Amino acid sequence: MRFQPQFETRRAAALREAAQIETLLRSLGENAGRLDADITAEEERAGISDPTNAAYPILARVLAVRRGNLEATINTFEQRLATLRQIFPEHSAA
């Protein structure tokens, strides 16, 4: 019985963290979508969509690297969220 308040505090902190991660994932997903649109627009402007082409736009290359980094960040947060949901399955429905 003595450990119940401590567990409840950890549970509340984990649920709060999960909610923050979900909000962050939505935002990061929107940013990734914007980067995709920007890459596509730059490719269309240059008329080159093959990244292996030497004339491929530098801006599109830079944006693709940013998108890749963002996707790695999203994957990391998704793994953390999955871990939290395993520990506290009552939050899995959200």
Protein backbone atom coordinates (compact mmCIF):
# COMPACT_ATOMS: atom_id res chain seq x y z
CA MET A 1 0.00 0.00 0.00
CA ARG A 2 2.85 2.35 0.71
CA PHE A 3 4.04 2.28 -2.91
CA GLN A 4 0.66 3.11 -4.45
CA PRO A 5 1.13 6.92 -4.47
CA GLN A 6 4.55 6.58 -6.07
CA PHE A 7 3.15 4.29 -8.76
CA GLU A 8 0.28 6.71 -9.40
CA THR A 9 2.76 9.57 -9.78
CA ARG A 10 4.81 7.57 -12.29
CA ARG A 11 1.66 6.53 -14.12
CA ALA A 12 0.48 10.15 -14.36
CA ALA A 13 3.93 11.26 -15.56
CA ALA A 14 3.98 8.49 -18.18
CA LEU A 15 0.50 9.36 -19.41
CA ARG A 16 1.46 13.04 -19.60
CA GLU A 17 4.62 12.11 -21.54
CA ALA A 18 2.57 9.95 -23.93
CA ALA A 19 0.17 12.83 -24.59
CA GLN A 20 3.09 15.18 -25.26
CA ILE A 21 4.69 12.67 -27.61
CA GLU A 22 1.43 12.24 -29.53
CA THR A 23 1.17 16.01 -29.97
CA LEU A 24 4.78 16.21 -31.06
CA LEU A 25 4.31 13.34 -33.54
CA ARG A 26 1.39 15.15 -35.17
CA SER A 27 3.49 18.28 -35.54
CA LEU A 28 6.53 16.41 -36.85
CA GLY A 29 4.33 14.54 -39.32
CA GLU A 30 2.97 17.82 -40.64
CA ASN A 31 6.50 19.17 -41.00
CA ALA A 32 7.58 16.04 -42.87
CA GLY A 33 4.62 16.53 -45.22
CA ARG A 34 5.66 20.12 -45.86
CA LEU A 35 9.21 19.00 -46.61
CA ASP A 36 7.88 16.42 -49.08
CA ALA A 37 5.85 19.13 -50.80
CA ASP A 38 8.87 21.45 -50.90
CA ILE A 39 11.07 18.71 -52.36
CA THR A 40 8.47 17.95 -55.03
CA ALA A 41 8.10 21.64 -55.87
CA GLU A 42 11.86 22.07 -56.21
CA GLU A 43 12.13 18.98 -58.41
CA GLU A 44 9.32 20.24 -60.63
CA ARG A 45 10.91 23.70 -60.84
CA ALA A 46 14.22 22.17 -61.92
CA GLY A 47 12.62 19.48 -64.07
CA ILE A 48 14.83 16.83 -62.44
CA SER A 49 13.49 14.28 -59.98
CA ASP A 50 16.38 11.80 -59.97
CA PRO A 51 18.62 12.40 -56.92
CA THR A 52 21.47 10.57 -58.64
CA ASN A 53 21.50 13.15 -61.45
CA ALA A 54 24.41 15.58 -61.03
CA ALA A 55 22.07 18.47 -61.85
CA TYR A 56 19.60 17.53 -59.09
CA PRO A 57 18.80 20.69 -57.12
CA ILE A 58 20.92 21.24 -54.02
CA LEU A 59 17.89 22.57 -52.14
CA ALA A 60 16.03 19.31 -52.80
CA ARG A 61 19.05 17.35 -51.51
CA VAL A 62 19.20 19.42 -48.34
CA LEU A 63 15.46 19.10 -47.77
CA ALA A 64 15.66 15.33 -48.30
CA VAL A 65 18.35 15.06 -45.63
CA ARG A 66 16.21 17.11 -43.26
CA ARG A 67 13.22 14.90 -44.01
CA GLY A 68 15.33 11.81 -43.31
CA ASN A 69 16.45 13.23 -39.98
CA LEU A 70 12.87 14.12 -39.14
CA GLU A 71 11.72 10.59 -40.01
CA ALA A 72 14.39 9.16 -37.71
CA THR A 73 13.17 11.42 -34.92
CA ILE A 74 9.57 10.36 -35.56
CA ASN A 75 10.59 6.69 -35.39
CA THR A 76 12.37 7.26 -32.08
CA PHE A 77 9.32 8.95 -30.57
CA GLU A 78 7.02 6.22 -31.92
CA GLN A 79 9.20 3.60 -30.21
CA ARG A 80 9.05 5.53 -26.93
CA LEU A 81 5.28 5.83 -27.23
CA ALA A 82 4.99 2.09 -27.90
CA THR A 83 7.04 1.41 -24.77
CA LEU A 84 4.78 3.66 -22.70
CA ARG A 85 1.71 1.92 -24.10
CA GLN A 86 3.13 -1.48 -23.13
CA ILE A 87 3.70 -0.30 -19.57
CA PHE A 88 0.35 1.50 -19.32
CA PRO A 89 -1.99 -0.21 -21.81
CA GLU A 90 -5.01 1.87 -20.75
CA HIS A 91 -3.54 4.72 -22.82
CA SER A 92 -3.34 2.61 -26.02
CA ALA A 93 -6.77 3.67 -27.22
CA ALA A 94 -5.71 7.31 -27.64
